[in-house]
Every structure is written in C-alpha cells, then in structure tokens.
C-alpha cells in the first residue's frame, strides 16, 4: 500500500489487489451505475483485472491514477479519487466516485482538492480536465468548486454520451 496523500479526515492511497471487494461494491453502487456506467465487474477476477489494467497500470505508466479514499479515523474505504489519462482526452482528467452514504459531507471536495494539489504542485501537470454527464449536478458543482471551468460539450467516442468537458 502506497500512501499518496493525507488530509485532516482522509487517507488517499494507491489501490491494490487487496481492494477487490471494495471495487466490486463501488462500481456496482447506484451512483456509479447512473453517472459512470456498468463496467461489468461482479467477480473477484473481474475486479482484479480492472485494478491491474486500470489504476495499477496507470501508476506504472503515468505516475498517477485513481486512488482509494478512506477515512483516516478507521480506514473505512469511502470512494475513489484521482487522475486518469484517457486516450480520448489530450490531458489527464480528475475523476471521483463515492458511496452514497458519504456524499454531502465534504469528503469528495477534500479528496479532490488534495488530488488537484498533487497534480499541480508535485506532478507539475499544466492542465487538468474533467468530464461529467450534464445531469450530474453534484459532480458539476464539485468541479467548479475546485476551480475547473466548463469548456464545451462533446460526444464520448466510447459511449456516444454527450459529456461536459471542464478544464483548469
């Protein structure tokens, strides 16, 4: 387990294969399914494949990726937040997803601020993007709160969904 960041209430660390059950639970949560989509991850093997070929591969190739966010007090995993380098975008984008019961408590804002600081101060990334569905009000508000500005609408080549693109 590699600690990436710590805030007053959160520990933000690299995902490992030991996080398989957490991944299955998060990617099948109502919020994930509604706003991110069904990734067809229902078994330990599928979750391990997601971890190895997603976040863990990104740590090696890019020096960043999606991270697990857990409560500092008792190490309860509450969501993911991090940076993603997509083939369909010119710059890395910030992404986040949290269990419903931890929304509205400032955890996503706290984690996203820490990840943005990592991106600009440590990784020296000149531009950070973000994408969200137009009807994801919480995501849009959070992106604006962390300093990103709406850039334009575009159609995702992977899903054909119309997405909002934000940028620093």
N, C-alpha and C. Protein backbone atom coordinates (compact mmCIF):
# COMPACT_ATOMS: atom_id res chain seq x y z
N UNK A 1 0.85 -1.19 0.00
CA UNK A 1 0.00 0.00 0.00
C UNK A 1 0.89 1.24 0.00
N UNK A 2 0.70 2.09 -0.99
CA UNK A 2 1.48 3.32 -1.09
C UNK A 2 0.59 4.50 -0.76
N UNK A 3 0.93 5.17 0.32
CA UNK A 3 0.21 6.38 0.71
C UNK A 3 0.55 7.48 -0.29
N UNK A 4 -0.47 8.13 -0.79
CA UNK A 4 -0.26 9.22 -1.73
C UNK A 4 -0.47 10.56 -1.03
N UNK A 5 -1.60 10.67 -0.33
CA UNK A 5 -1.95 11.94 0.31
C UNK A 5 -2.68 11.67 1.62
N UNK A 6 -2.62 12.63 2.49
CA UNK A 6 -3.43 12.58 3.71
C UNK A 6 -3.99 13.97 3.95
N UNK A 7 -5.25 14.02 4.37
CA UNK A 7 -5.88 15.28 4.73
C UNK A 7 -6.29 15.15 6.20
N UNK A 8 -6.99 16.12 6.70
CA UNK A 8 -7.43 16.06 8.10
C UNK A 8 -8.27 14.81 8.39
N UNK A 9 -9.11 14.43 7.41
CA UNK A 9 -10.04 13.33 7.67
C UNK A 9 -9.83 12.11 6.78
N UNK A 10 -8.95 12.21 5.78
CA UNK A 10 -8.84 11.17 4.77
C UNK A 10 -7.42 10.69 4.54
N UNK A 11 -7.32 9.44 4.12
CA UNK A 11 -6.08 8.87 3.60
C UNK A 11 -6.38 8.52 2.14
N UNK A 12 -5.51 8.95 1.25
CA UNK A 12 -5.67 8.70 -0.18
C UNK A 12 -4.45 7.90 -0.61
N UNK A 13 -4.71 6.66 -1.05
CA UNK A 13 -3.61 5.74 -1.33
C UNK A 13 -3.84 4.97 -2.61
N UNK A 14 -2.77 4.35 -3.10
CA UNK A 14 -2.89 3.54 -4.29
C UNK A 14 -3.79 2.33 -4.03
N UNK A 15 -4.55 1.97 -5.04
CA UNK A 15 -5.35 0.75 -4.98
C UNK A 15 -4.44 -0.46 -5.15
N UNK A 16 -4.77 -1.56 -4.48
CA UNK A 16 -4.02 -2.80 -4.60
C UNK A 16 -5.02 -3.94 -4.85
N UNK A 17 -4.51 -5.12 -5.11
CA UNK A 17 -5.38 -6.27 -5.33
C UNK A 17 -6.17 -6.62 -4.07
N UNK A 18 -5.73 -6.15 -2.94
CA UNK A 18 -6.47 -6.38 -1.69
C UNK A 18 -7.76 -5.56 -1.64
N UNK A 19 -7.94 -4.65 -2.58
CA UNK A 19 -9.13 -3.80 -2.61
C UNK A 19 -10.23 -4.35 -3.53
N UNK A 20 -10.12 -5.62 -3.88
CA UNK A 20 -11.06 -6.24 -4.82
C UNK A 20 -12.52 -6.09 -4.38
N UNK A 21 -12.85 -6.45 -3.12
CA UNK A 21 -14.25 -6.37 -2.68
C UNK A 21 -14.75 -4.93 -2.71
N UNK A 22 -13.91 -3.98 -2.31
CA UNK A 22 -14.28 -2.56 -2.35
C UNK A 22 -14.63 -2.16 -3.78
N UNK A 23 -13.81 -2.56 -4.75
CA UNK A 23 -14.05 -2.20 -6.15
C UNK A 23 -15.39 -2.76 -6.62
N UNK A 24 -15.66 -4.03 -6.31
CA UNK A 24 -16.92 -4.64 -6.73
C UNK A 24 -18.09 -3.84 -6.16
N UNK A 25 -18.00 -3.48 -4.89
CA UNK A 25 -19.09 -2.74 -4.25
C UNK A 25 -19.26 -1.34 -4.86
N UNK A 26 -18.15 -0.62 -5.06
CA UNK A 26 -18.24 0.75 -5.56
C UNK A 26 -18.75 0.81 -7.00
N UNK A 27 -18.19 -0.03 -7.88
CA UNK A 27 -18.58 0.05 -9.30
C UNK A 27 -19.99 -0.46 -9.56
N UNK A 28 -20.60 -1.08 -8.56
CA UNK A 28 -21.99 -1.52 -8.68
C UNK A 28 -22.94 -0.72 -7.81
N UNK A 29 -22.43 0.39 -7.25
CA UNK A 29 -23.28 1.26 -6.44
C UNK A 29 -24.18 2.08 -7.36
N UNK A 30 -25.33 2.53 -6.84
CA UNK A 30 -26.28 3.28 -7.69
C UNK A 30 -25.66 4.50 -8.37
N UNK A 31 -24.87 5.28 -7.65
CA UNK A 31 -24.27 6.48 -8.23
C UNK A 31 -23.31 6.15 -9.36
N UNK A 32 -22.47 5.13 -9.17
CA UNK A 32 -21.52 4.73 -10.21
C UNK A 32 -22.29 4.28 -11.45
N UNK A 33 -23.26 3.40 -11.26
CA UNK A 33 -24.00 2.87 -12.40
C UNK A 33 -24.73 3.98 -13.15
N UNK A 34 -25.28 4.96 -12.43
CA UNK A 34 -26.03 6.04 -13.08
C UNK A 34 -25.11 7.01 -13.83
N UNK A 35 -24.02 7.42 -13.19
CA UNK A 35 -23.22 8.50 -13.77
C UNK A 35 -21.94 8.05 -14.47
N UNK A 36 -21.47 6.86 -14.20
CA UNK A 36 -20.25 6.38 -14.85
C UNK A 36 -20.56 5.23 -15.80
N UNK A 37 -21.43 4.33 -15.36
CA UNK A 37 -21.86 3.25 -16.24
C UNK A 37 -21.46 1.89 -15.72
N UNK A 38 -22.12 0.88 -16.23
CA UNK A 38 -21.87 -0.50 -15.81
C UNK A 38 -20.57 -0.98 -16.45
N UNK A 39 -19.62 -1.34 -15.62
CA UNK A 39 -18.32 -1.83 -16.10
C UNK A 39 -18.26 -3.36 -16.12
N UNK A 40 -19.38 -4.00 -15.82
CA UNK A 40 -19.46 -5.46 -15.81
C UNK A 40 -18.37 -6.07 -14.92
N UNK A 41 -18.29 -5.56 -13.70
CA UNK A 41 -17.34 -6.07 -12.71
C UNK A 41 -18.16 -6.61 -11.55
N UNK A 42 -18.23 -7.95 -11.49
CA UNK A 42 -19.07 -8.59 -10.48
C UNK A 42 -18.34 -9.68 -9.70
N UNK A 43 -17.18 -10.10 -10.19
CA UNK A 43 -16.44 -11.18 -9.54
C UNK A 43 -15.06 -10.67 -9.10
N UNK A 44 -14.43 -11.42 -8.21
CA UNK A 44 -13.07 -11.07 -7.79
C UNK A 44 -12.13 -11.00 -8.99
N UNK A 45 -12.25 -11.94 -9.90
CA UNK A 45 -11.38 -11.97 -11.08
C UNK A 45 -11.57 -10.72 -11.94
N UNK A 46 -12.82 -10.33 -12.16
CA UNK A 46 -13.10 -9.12 -12.95
C UNK A 46 -12.56 -7.88 -12.24
N UNK A 47 -12.70 -7.80 -10.93
CA UNK A 47 -12.20 -6.65 -10.17
C UNK A 47 -10.68 -6.61 -10.20
N UNK A 48 -10.04 -7.75 -10.08
CA UNK A 48 -8.58 -7.79 -10.15
C UNK A 48 -8.10 -7.36 -11.52
N UNK A 49 -8.78 -7.78 -12.56
CA UNK A 49 -8.45 -7.37 -13.93
C UNK A 49 -8.58 -5.85 -14.08
N UNK A 50 -9.68 -5.30 -13.53
CA UNK A 50 -9.88 -3.84 -13.55
C UNK A 50 -8.72 -3.14 -12.84
N UNK A 51 -8.36 -3.62 -11.68
CA UNK A 51 -7.29 -2.99 -10.90
C UNK A 51 -5.95 -3.08 -11.63
N UNK A 52 -5.62 -4.26 -12.14
CA UNK A 52 -4.32 -4.46 -12.80
C UNK A 52 -4.20 -3.67 -14.09
N UNK A 53 -5.29 -3.60 -14.86
CA UNK A 53 -5.23 -2.94 -16.18
C UNK A 53 -5.74 -1.51 -16.16
N UNK A 54 -6.19 -1.05 -15.01
CA UNK A 54 -6.65 0.33 -14.86
C UNK A 54 -5.72 1.10 -13.94
N UNK A 55 -6.13 1.28 -12.69
CA UNK A 55 -5.33 2.10 -11.77
C UNK A 55 -3.87 1.65 -11.61
N UNK A 56 -3.63 0.35 -11.41
CA UNK A 56 -2.25 -0.11 -11.16
C UNK A 56 -1.36 0.08 -12.38
N UNK A 57 -1.90 -0.16 -13.56
CA UNK A 57 -1.15 0.06 -14.80
C UNK A 57 -0.85 1.56 -14.98
N UNK A 58 -1.83 2.39 -14.62
CA UNK A 58 -1.65 3.84 -14.74
C UNK A 58 -0.56 4.35 -13.79
N UNK A 59 -0.48 3.79 -12.58
CA UNK A 59 0.59 4.21 -11.65
C UNK A 59 1.95 4.00 -12.31
N UNK A 60 2.11 2.82 -12.95
CA UNK A 60 3.40 2.49 -13.60
C UNK A 60 3.66 3.35 -14.82
N UNK A 61 2.65 3.50 -15.69
CA UNK A 61 2.85 4.20 -16.95
C UNK A 61 2.85 5.71 -16.82
N UNK A 62 2.00 6.26 -15.93
CA UNK A 62 1.82 7.70 -15.88
C UNK A 62 2.32 8.36 -14.60
N UNK A 63 2.54 7.55 -13.57
CA UNK A 63 2.95 8.12 -12.28
C UNK A 63 1.76 8.63 -11.47
N UNK A 64 0.55 8.32 -11.92
CA UNK A 64 -0.68 8.70 -11.21
C UNK A 64 -1.79 7.77 -11.66
N UNK A 65 -2.92 7.87 -10.99
CA UNK A 65 -4.08 7.05 -11.35
C UNK A 65 -5.22 7.34 -10.41
N UNK A 66 -6.21 6.48 -10.41
CA UNK A 66 -7.29 6.58 -9.44
C UNK A 66 -6.79 6.01 -8.11
N UNK A 67 -7.14 6.66 -7.03
CA UNK A 67 -6.70 6.24 -5.70
C UNK A 67 -7.90 5.89 -4.83
N UNK A 68 -7.67 5.03 -3.86
CA UNK A 68 -8.69 4.72 -2.88
C UNK A 68 -8.72 5.82 -1.83
N UNK A 69 -9.90 6.24 -1.46
CA UNK A 69 -10.07 7.25 -0.41
C UNK A 69 -10.69 6.56 0.78
N UNK A 70 -10.02 6.66 1.93
CA UNK A 70 -10.55 6.04 3.14
C UNK A 70 -10.54 7.04 4.29
N UNK A 71 -11.41 6.78 5.25
CA UNK A 71 -11.47 7.64 6.43
C UNK A 71 -10.19 7.45 7.24
N UNK A 72 -9.61 8.53 7.66
CA UNK A 72 -8.38 8.46 8.46
C UNK A 72 -8.66 7.79 9.81
N UNK A 73 -9.83 8.03 10.36
CA UNK A 73 -10.16 7.55 11.70
C UNK A 73 -10.20 6.03 11.83
N UNK A 74 -10.81 5.34 10.86
CA UNK A 74 -10.94 3.89 10.99
C UNK A 74 -10.62 3.11 9.71
N UNK A 75 -10.07 3.81 8.72
CA UNK A 75 -9.64 3.21 7.45
C UNK A 75 -10.79 2.62 6.63
N UNK A 76 -12.02 3.10 6.85
CA UNK A 76 -13.16 2.66 6.04
C UNK A 76 -13.01 3.23 4.63
N UNK A 77 -13.02 2.39 3.59
CA UNK A 77 -12.96 2.90 2.22
C UNK A 77 -14.30 3.55 1.86
N UNK A 78 -14.22 4.79 1.36
CA UNK A 78 -15.46 5.53 1.06
C UNK A 78 -15.60 5.90 -0.41
N UNK A 79 -14.54 5.74 -1.19
CA UNK A 79 -14.63 6.09 -2.60
C UNK A 79 -13.28 6.09 -3.28
N UNK A 80 -13.27 6.64 -4.49
CA UNK A 80 -12.05 6.80 -5.29
C UNK A 80 -11.95 8.24 -5.75
N UNK A 81 -10.73 8.69 -5.90
CA UNK A 81 -10.47 10.00 -6.49
C UNK A 81 -9.07 9.95 -7.05
N UNK A 82 -8.88 10.53 -8.21
CA UNK A 82 -7.53 10.53 -8.78
C UNK A 82 -7.51 11.10 -10.18
N UNK A 83 -6.43 10.80 -10.85
CA UNK A 83 -6.19 11.32 -12.19
C UNK A 83 -6.17 10.17 -13.18
N UNK A 84 -6.77 10.42 -14.34
CA UNK A 84 -6.88 9.40 -15.37
C UNK A 84 -6.33 9.97 -16.67
N UNK A 85 -5.52 9.20 -17.36
CA UNK A 85 -5.04 9.60 -18.69
C UNK A 85 -5.80 8.76 -19.71
N UNK A 86 -6.79 9.38 -20.35
CA UNK A 86 -7.62 8.68 -21.32
C UNK A 86 -7.09 8.91 -22.74
N UNK A 87 -7.27 7.91 -23.58
CA UNK A 87 -6.88 8.05 -24.99
C UNK A 87 -7.72 9.12 -25.68
N UNK A 88 -8.92 9.37 -25.16
CA UNK A 88 -9.85 10.27 -25.83
C UNK A 88 -9.70 11.73 -25.40
N UNK A 89 -8.81 12.01 -24.45
CA UNK A 89 -8.60 13.39 -23.99
C UNK A 89 -7.13 13.76 -24.11
N UNK A 90 -6.83 15.02 -24.42
CA UNK A 90 -5.44 15.43 -24.62
C UNK A 90 -4.62 15.56 -23.32
N UNK A 91 -5.30 15.73 -22.20
CA UNK A 91 -4.63 15.92 -20.91
C UNK A 91 -5.29 15.01 -19.87
N UNK A 92 -4.62 14.76 -18.75
CA UNK A 92 -5.24 13.95 -17.69
C UNK A 92 -6.48 14.64 -17.14
N UNK A 93 -7.42 13.80 -16.66
CA UNK A 93 -8.61 14.38 -16.04
C UNK A 93 -8.77 13.84 -14.63
N UNK A 94 -9.41 14.64 -13.79
CA UNK A 94 -9.68 14.23 -12.43
C UNK A 94 -11.02 13.49 -12.42
N UNK A 95 -11.04 12.40 -11.68
CA UNK A 95 -12.26 11.63 -11.56
C UNK A 95 -12.51 11.26 -10.11
N UNK A 96 -13.75 11.03 -9.76
CA UNK A 96 -14.08 10.66 -8.39
C UNK A 96 -15.41 9.93 -8.36
N UNK A 97 -15.54 9.07 -7.36
CA UNK A 97 -16.80 8.36 -7.11
C UNK A 97 -16.79 7.96 -5.64
N UNK A 98 -17.92 8.21 -4.97
CA UNK A 98 -18.03 7.90 -3.55
C UNK A 98 -19.31 7.15 -3.28
N UNK A 99 -19.29 6.32 -2.25
CA UNK A 99 -20.53 5.67 -1.82
C UNK A 99 -21.53 6.73 -1.40
N UNK A 100 -22.80 6.49 -1.70
CA UNK A 100 -23.86 7.45 -1.41
C UNK A 100 -23.85 7.95 0.03
N UNK A 101 -23.61 7.04 0.97
CA UNK A 101 -23.69 7.44 2.39
C UNK A 101 -22.59 8.41 2.81
N UNK A 102 -21.58 8.60 1.96
CA UNK A 102 -20.50 9.53 2.29
C UNK A 102 -20.57 10.81 1.47
N UNK A 103 -21.63 10.97 0.69
CA UNK A 103 -21.81 12.19 -0.10
C UNK A 103 -22.44 13.28 0.76
N UNK A 104 -22.15 14.52 0.42
CA UNK A 104 -22.74 15.65 1.13
C UNK A 104 -22.06 15.96 2.45
N UNK A 105 -20.89 15.37 2.68
CA UNK A 105 -20.15 15.58 3.93
C UNK A 105 -18.80 16.27 3.70
N UNK A 106 -18.55 16.67 2.44
CA UNK A 106 -17.31 17.36 2.12
C UNK A 106 -16.13 16.45 1.82
N UNK A 107 -16.32 15.14 1.84
CA UNK A 107 -15.21 14.21 1.59
C UNK A 107 -14.71 14.30 0.14
N UNK A 108 -15.63 14.37 -0.81
CA UNK A 108 -15.23 14.45 -2.22
C UNK A 108 -14.46 15.74 -2.47
N UNK A 109 -14.92 16.84 -1.89
CA UNK A 109 -14.22 18.12 -2.04
C UNK A 109 -12.83 18.03 -1.44
N UNK A 110 -12.73 17.46 -0.25
CA UNK A 110 -11.44 17.33 0.43
C UNK A 110 -10.46 16.49 -0.39
N UNK A 111 -10.95 15.35 -0.91
CA UNK A 111 -10.10 14.47 -1.71
C UNK A 111 -9.72 15.13 -3.03
N UNK A 112 -10.69 15.76 -3.69
CA UNK A 112 -10.42 16.39 -4.99
C UNK A 112 -9.44 17.55 -4.86
N UNK A 113 -9.54 18.32 -3.80
CA UNK A 113 -8.57 19.41 -3.57
C UNK A 113 -7.17 18.84 -3.39
N UNK A 114 -7.06 17.76 -2.63
CA UNK A 114 -5.75 17.14 -2.41
C UNK A 114 -5.17 16.60 -3.72
N UNK A 115 -6.01 15.99 -4.54
CA UNK A 115 -5.55 15.45 -5.83
C UNK A 115 -5.16 16.59 -6.77
N UNK A 116 -5.91 17.68 -6.77
CA UNK A 116 -5.55 18.82 -7.61
C UNK A 116 -4.21 19.42 -7.18
N UNK A 117 -3.98 19.49 -5.88
CA UNK A 117 -2.70 19.99 -5.37
C UNK A 117 -1.56 19.07 -5.80
N UNK A 118 -1.77 17.77 -5.71
CA UNK A 118 -0.78 16.79 -6.17
C UNK A 118 -0.49 17.01 -7.66
N UNK A 119 -1.54 17.18 -8.44
CA UNK A 119 -1.40 17.34 -9.89
C UNK A 119 -0.58 18.57 -10.26
N UNK A 120 -0.84 19.67 -9.57
CA UNK A 120 -0.16 20.91 -9.94
C UNK A 120 1.20 21.07 -9.25
N UNK A 121 1.26 20.77 -7.95
CA UNK A 121 2.50 21.01 -7.20
C UNK A 121 3.55 19.91 -7.40
N UNK A 122 3.16 18.65 -7.29
CA UNK A 122 4.13 17.56 -7.36
C UNK A 122 4.32 17.04 -8.78
N UNK A 123 3.22 16.79 -9.48
CA UNK A 123 3.31 16.22 -10.82
C UNK A 123 3.55 17.29 -11.88
N UNK A 124 3.34 18.56 -11.53
CA UNK A 124 3.57 19.69 -12.43
C UNK A 124 2.78 19.58 -13.73
N UNK A 125 1.55 19.08 -13.63
CA UNK A 125 0.71 18.97 -14.82
C UNK A 125 0.15 20.35 -15.15
N UNK A 126 0.36 20.82 -16.38
CA UNK A 126 -0.07 22.18 -16.73
C UNK A 126 -1.58 22.34 -16.84
N UNK A 127 -2.28 21.28 -17.23
CA UNK A 127 -3.72 21.35 -17.43
C UNK A 127 -4.37 20.10 -16.86
N UNK A 128 -5.46 20.30 -16.16
CA UNK A 128 -6.27 19.19 -15.66
C UNK A 128 -7.67 19.34 -16.26
N UNK A 129 -8.16 18.27 -16.82
CA UNK A 129 -9.50 18.25 -17.38
C UNK A 129 -10.44 17.48 -16.47
N UNK A 130 -11.71 17.50 -16.77
CA UNK A 130 -12.71 16.67 -16.10
C UNK A 130 -13.87 16.51 -17.06
N UNK A 131 -14.55 15.37 -16.95
CA UNK A 131 -15.73 15.13 -17.76
C UNK A 131 -16.86 14.67 -16.85
N UNK A 132 -18.08 15.04 -17.22
CA UNK A 132 -19.25 14.61 -16.47
C UNK A 132 -20.48 14.66 -17.36
N UNK A 133 -21.45 13.87 -17.00
CA UNK A 133 -22.74 13.94 -17.68
C UNK A 133 -23.42 15.26 -17.30
N UNK A 134 -24.14 15.87 -18.22
CA UNK A 134 -24.80 17.15 -17.92
C UNK A 134 -25.77 17.09 -16.74
N UNK A 135 -26.38 15.93 -16.48
CA UNK A 135 -27.35 15.86 -15.38
C UNK A 135 -26.73 15.47 -14.04
N UNK A 136 -25.39 15.38 -13.99
CA UNK A 136 -24.72 15.05 -12.72
C UNK A 136 -24.41 16.36 -11.98
N UNK A 137 -25.44 16.90 -11.35
CA UNK A 137 -25.32 18.21 -10.69
C UNK A 137 -24.23 18.25 -9.63
N UNK A 138 -24.13 17.20 -8.80
CA UNK A 138 -23.12 17.17 -7.73
C UNK A 138 -21.71 17.24 -8.32
N UNK A 139 -21.48 16.48 -9.35
CA UNK A 139 -20.16 16.46 -9.99
C UNK A 139 -19.83 17.83 -10.58
N UNK A 140 -20.79 18.40 -11.30
CA UNK A 140 -20.55 19.73 -11.91
C UNK A 140 -20.22 20.76 -10.84
N UNK A 141 -20.97 20.77 -9.75
CA UNK A 141 -20.73 21.74 -8.68
C UNK A 141 -19.37 21.53 -8.04
N UNK A 142 -18.99 20.28 -7.84
CA UNK A 142 -17.69 19.99 -7.24
C UNK A 142 -16.56 20.43 -8.17
N UNK A 143 -16.69 20.16 -9.45
CA UNK A 143 -15.65 20.56 -10.41
C UNK A 143 -15.46 22.08 -10.39
N UNK A 144 -16.55 22.81 -10.34
CA UNK A 144 -16.45 24.27 -10.29
C UNK A 144 -15.87 24.74 -8.96
N UNK A 145 -16.22 24.05 -7.88
CA UNK A 145 -15.73 24.41 -6.55
C UNK A 145 -14.21 24.21 -6.42
N UNK A 146 -13.66 23.23 -7.15
CA UNK A 146 -12.21 23.00 -7.10
C UNK A 146 -11.46 23.80 -8.16
N UNK A 147 -12.18 24.68 -8.86
CA UNK A 147 -11.51 25.62 -9.75
C UNK A 147 -11.54 25.28 -11.23
N UNK A 148 -12.25 24.25 -11.65
CA UNK A 148 -12.34 23.95 -13.06
C UNK A 148 -13.49 24.73 -13.68
N UNK A 149 -13.35 25.02 -14.96
CA UNK A 149 -14.36 25.79 -15.65
C UNK A 149 -14.89 24.99 -16.84
N UNK A 150 -16.20 25.14 -17.08
CA UNK A 150 -16.81 24.46 -18.22
C UNK A 150 -16.17 24.95 -19.50
N UNK A 151 -15.78 24.01 -20.36
CA UNK A 151 -15.13 24.34 -21.62
C UNK A 151 -16.09 24.15 -22.80
N UNK A 152 -16.63 22.92 -22.92
CA UNK A 152 -17.53 22.66 -24.05
C UNK A 152 -18.21 21.30 -23.86
N UNK A 153 -19.24 21.09 -24.65
CA UNK A 153 -19.88 19.78 -24.73
C UNK A 153 -19.17 18.96 -25.80
N UNK A 154 -19.10 17.65 -25.60
CA UNK A 154 -18.58 16.78 -26.64
C UNK A 154 -19.21 15.40 -26.50
N UNK A 155 -19.13 14.61 -27.54
CA UNK A 155 -19.69 13.27 -27.51
C UNK A 155 -18.55 12.28 -27.28
N UNK A 156 -18.70 11.46 -26.24
CA UNK A 156 -17.70 10.45 -25.93
C UNK A 156 -17.62 9.42 -27.05
N UNK A 157 -16.42 9.20 -27.62
CA UNK A 157 -16.30 8.20 -28.68
C UNK A 157 -16.54 6.77 -28.15
N UNK A 158 -16.38 6.58 -26.85
CA UNK A 158 -16.56 5.23 -26.28
C UNK A 158 -18.02 4.88 -26.02
N UNK A 159 -18.81 5.87 -25.60
CA UNK A 159 -20.18 5.59 -25.17
C UNK A 159 -21.25 6.31 -25.99
N UNK A 160 -20.84 7.29 -26.79
CA UNK A 160 -21.75 8.16 -27.52
C UNK A 160 -22.59 9.05 -26.61
N UNK A 161 -22.23 9.13 -25.33
CA UNK A 161 -22.91 10.04 -24.41
C UNK A 161 -22.40 11.45 -24.64
N UNK A 162 -23.30 12.42 -24.52
CA UNK A 162 -22.87 13.81 -24.54
C UNK A 162 -22.33 14.14 -23.15
N UNK A 163 -21.11 14.64 -23.09
CA UNK A 163 -20.43 14.96 -21.84
C UNK A 163 -20.06 16.42 -21.79
N UNK A 164 -19.92 16.90 -20.58
CA UNK A 164 -19.42 18.26 -20.37
C UNK A 164 -17.92 18.15 -20.08
N UNK A 165 -17.13 18.94 -20.76
CA UNK A 165 -15.68 18.98 -20.55
C UNK A 165 -15.33 20.22 -19.74
N UNK A 166 -14.59 19.99 -18.67
CA UNK A 166 -14.10 21.08 -17.81
C UNK A 166 -12.60 21.12 -17.90
N UNK A 167 -12.01 22.29 -17.60
CA UNK A 167 -10.57 22.45 -17.67
C UNK A 167 -10.10 23.48 -16.65
N UNK A 168 -8.83 23.34 -16.26
CA UNK A 168 -8.23 24.33 -15.35
C UNK A 168 -7.99 25.61 -16.11
